[in-house]
């Protein structure tokens, strides 16, 4: 999806060529088919080839991918996912990042009551 967001619209071969460490051609096509079935991309026939373009905004794609990750590896617990990130990486967060996280936690507490 990152490559497709950058290119705007592209064929499978163009997507493959733009990937820094590309998988096989068939893997890219299979993934595009899955994204198409899930409604994340749209496909148009153009000169005997398919051209793909994003059907969702980047923020929506990020949320969907993150939710899938949280569901798959953390049993749906956003808290467990955040704790896993903070355990290993909290030393790499800037003061600004920590302040932003604190504000978000405080807002979630307020909104949850």
Protein backbone atom coordinates (compact mmCIF):
# COMPACT_ATOMS: atom_id res chain seq x y z
CA UNK A 1 0.00 0.00 0.00
CA UNK A 2 2.87 2.39 0.74
CA UNK A 3 4.15 2.09 -2.83
CA UNK A 4 0.66 2.53 -4.24
CA UNK A 5 0.08 5.61 -2.08
CA UNK A 6 3.34 7.10 -3.37
CA UNK A 7 2.65 6.28 -7.02
CA UNK A 8 -1.06 7.10 -6.92
CA UNK A 9 -1.89 4.48 -9.52
CA UNK A 10 0.25 1.69 -10.94
CA UNK A 11 0.36 -1.72 -12.53
CA UNK A 12 1.57 -4.74 -10.58
CA UNK A 13 4.91 -4.56 -12.43
CA UNK A 14 5.32 -0.86 -11.56
CA UNK A 15 4.57 -1.62 -7.92
CA UNK A 16 7.10 -4.46 -7.96
CA UNK A 17 9.75 -2.22 -9.53
CA UNK A 18 9.21 0.48 -6.89
CA UNK A 19 9.63 -1.87 -3.92
CA UNK A 20 13.04 -1.72 -2.20
CA UNK A 21 13.10 -5.46 -1.42
CA UNK A 22 10.45 -6.92 -3.69
CA UNK A 23 8.91 -10.34 -3.22
CA UNK A 24 8.04 -12.44 -6.25
CA UNK A 25 5.78 -11.12 -8.98
CA UNK A 26 3.11 -13.65 -8.03
CA UNK A 27 3.26 -12.57 -4.37
CA UNK A 28 2.61 -8.95 -5.36
CA UNK A 29 -0.31 -9.98 -7.58
CA UNK A 30 -1.77 -12.19 -4.86
CA UNK A 31 -1.50 -9.37 -2.34
CA UNK A 32 -3.14 -6.94 -4.76
CA UNK A 33 -6.00 -9.41 -5.26
CA UNK A 34 -6.46 -9.64 -1.47
CA UNK A 35 -6.41 -5.84 -1.13
CA UNK A 36 -8.95 -5.62 -3.95
CA UNK A 37 -11.26 -8.15 -2.24
CA UNK A 38 -11.02 -6.22 1.03
CA UNK A 39 -11.82 -2.93 -0.71
CA UNK A 40 -8.45 -1.29 -0.04
CA UNK A 41 -7.60 -0.87 -3.74
CA UNK A 42 -9.55 -0.39 -6.95
CA UNK A 43 -8.66 -1.93 -10.29
CA UNK A 44 -9.18 -0.53 -13.78
CA UNK A 45 -8.54 -2.31 -17.08
CA UNK A 46 -6.26 -0.26 -19.30
CA UNK A 47 -4.61 -1.48 -22.52
CA UNK A 48 -4.63 -5.21 -21.71
CA UNK A 49 -3.38 -4.66 -18.15
CA UNK A 50 -4.81 -3.78 -14.78
CA UNK A 51 -4.00 -0.50 -13.10
CA UNK A 52 -4.48 -0.27 -9.35
CA UNK A 53 -5.14 2.74 -7.16
CA UNK A 54 -5.85 3.16 -3.45
CA UNK A 55 -9.51 3.02 -2.47
CA UNK A 56 -8.83 4.20 1.09
CA UNK A 57 -6.90 7.06 2.59
CA UNK A 58 -3.50 6.36 4.16
CA UNK A 59 -4.81 7.01 7.69
CA UNK A 60 -7.61 4.47 7.19
CA UNK A 61 -5.16 1.89 5.85
CA UNK A 62 -2.85 2.46 8.85
CA UNK A 63 -5.74 2.03 11.31
CA UNK A 64 -6.86 -1.17 9.60
CA UNK A 65 -3.33 -2.63 9.54
CA UNK A 66 -2.70 -1.67 13.15
CA UNK A 67 -6.01 -3.16 14.29
CA UNK A 68 -5.14 -6.39 12.49
CA UNK A 69 -1.73 -6.44 14.19
CA UNK A 70 -3.26 -5.80 17.64
CA UNK A 71 -5.92 -8.48 17.09
CA UNK A 72 -3.42 -11.03 15.77
CA UNK A 73 -0.54 -10.62 18.20
CA UNK A 74 -2.07 -9.00 21.29
CA UNK A 75 -5.51 -10.59 21.54
CA UNK A 76 -7.17 -7.31 20.62
CA UNK A 77 -5.60 -5.46 23.56
CA UNK A 78 -4.33 -2.01 22.56
CA UNK A 79 -2.84 -1.69 26.05
CA UNK A 80 -0.75 -4.84 25.60
CA UNK A 81 0.46 -3.59 22.21
CA UNK A 82 1.39 -0.18 23.65
CA UNK A 83 3.17 -1.82 26.59
CA UNK A 84 5.17 -4.00 24.21
CA UNK A 85 6.29 -0.93 22.28
CA UNK A 86 7.12 1.08 25.37
CA UNK A 87 9.04 -1.73 27.10
CA UNK A 88 11.59 -1.89 24.33
CA UNK A 89 11.50 1.60 22.86
CA UNK A 90 10.55 4.07 25.59
CA UNK A 91 14.14 5.28 25.80
CA UNK A 92 13.91 6.29 22.13
CA UNK A 93 10.81 8.49 22.61
CA UNK A 94 11.31 12.24 22.71
CA UNK A 95 9.86 14.39 25.45
CA UNK A 96 7.35 15.67 22.91
CA UNK A 97 6.26 12.10 22.09
CA UNK A 98 5.89 11.26 25.77
CA UNK A 99 3.85 14.44 26.37
CA UNK A 100 1.57 13.57 23.44
CA UNK A 101 1.07 10.03 24.75
CA UNK A 102 0.31 11.37 28.22
CA UNK A 103 -2.31 13.74 26.78
CA UNK A 104 -3.90 10.91 24.80
CA UNK A 105 -4.05 8.68 27.90
CA UNK A 106 -5.57 11.48 29.98
CA UNK A 107 -8.18 12.16 27.29
CA UNK A 108 -9.04 8.45 27.05
CA UNK A 109 -9.50 8.32 30.84
CA UNK A 110 -11.73 11.40 30.78
CA UNK A 111 -13.81 10.19 27.82
CA UNK A 112 -14.17 6.70 29.32
CA UNK A 113 -15.82 7.93 32.53
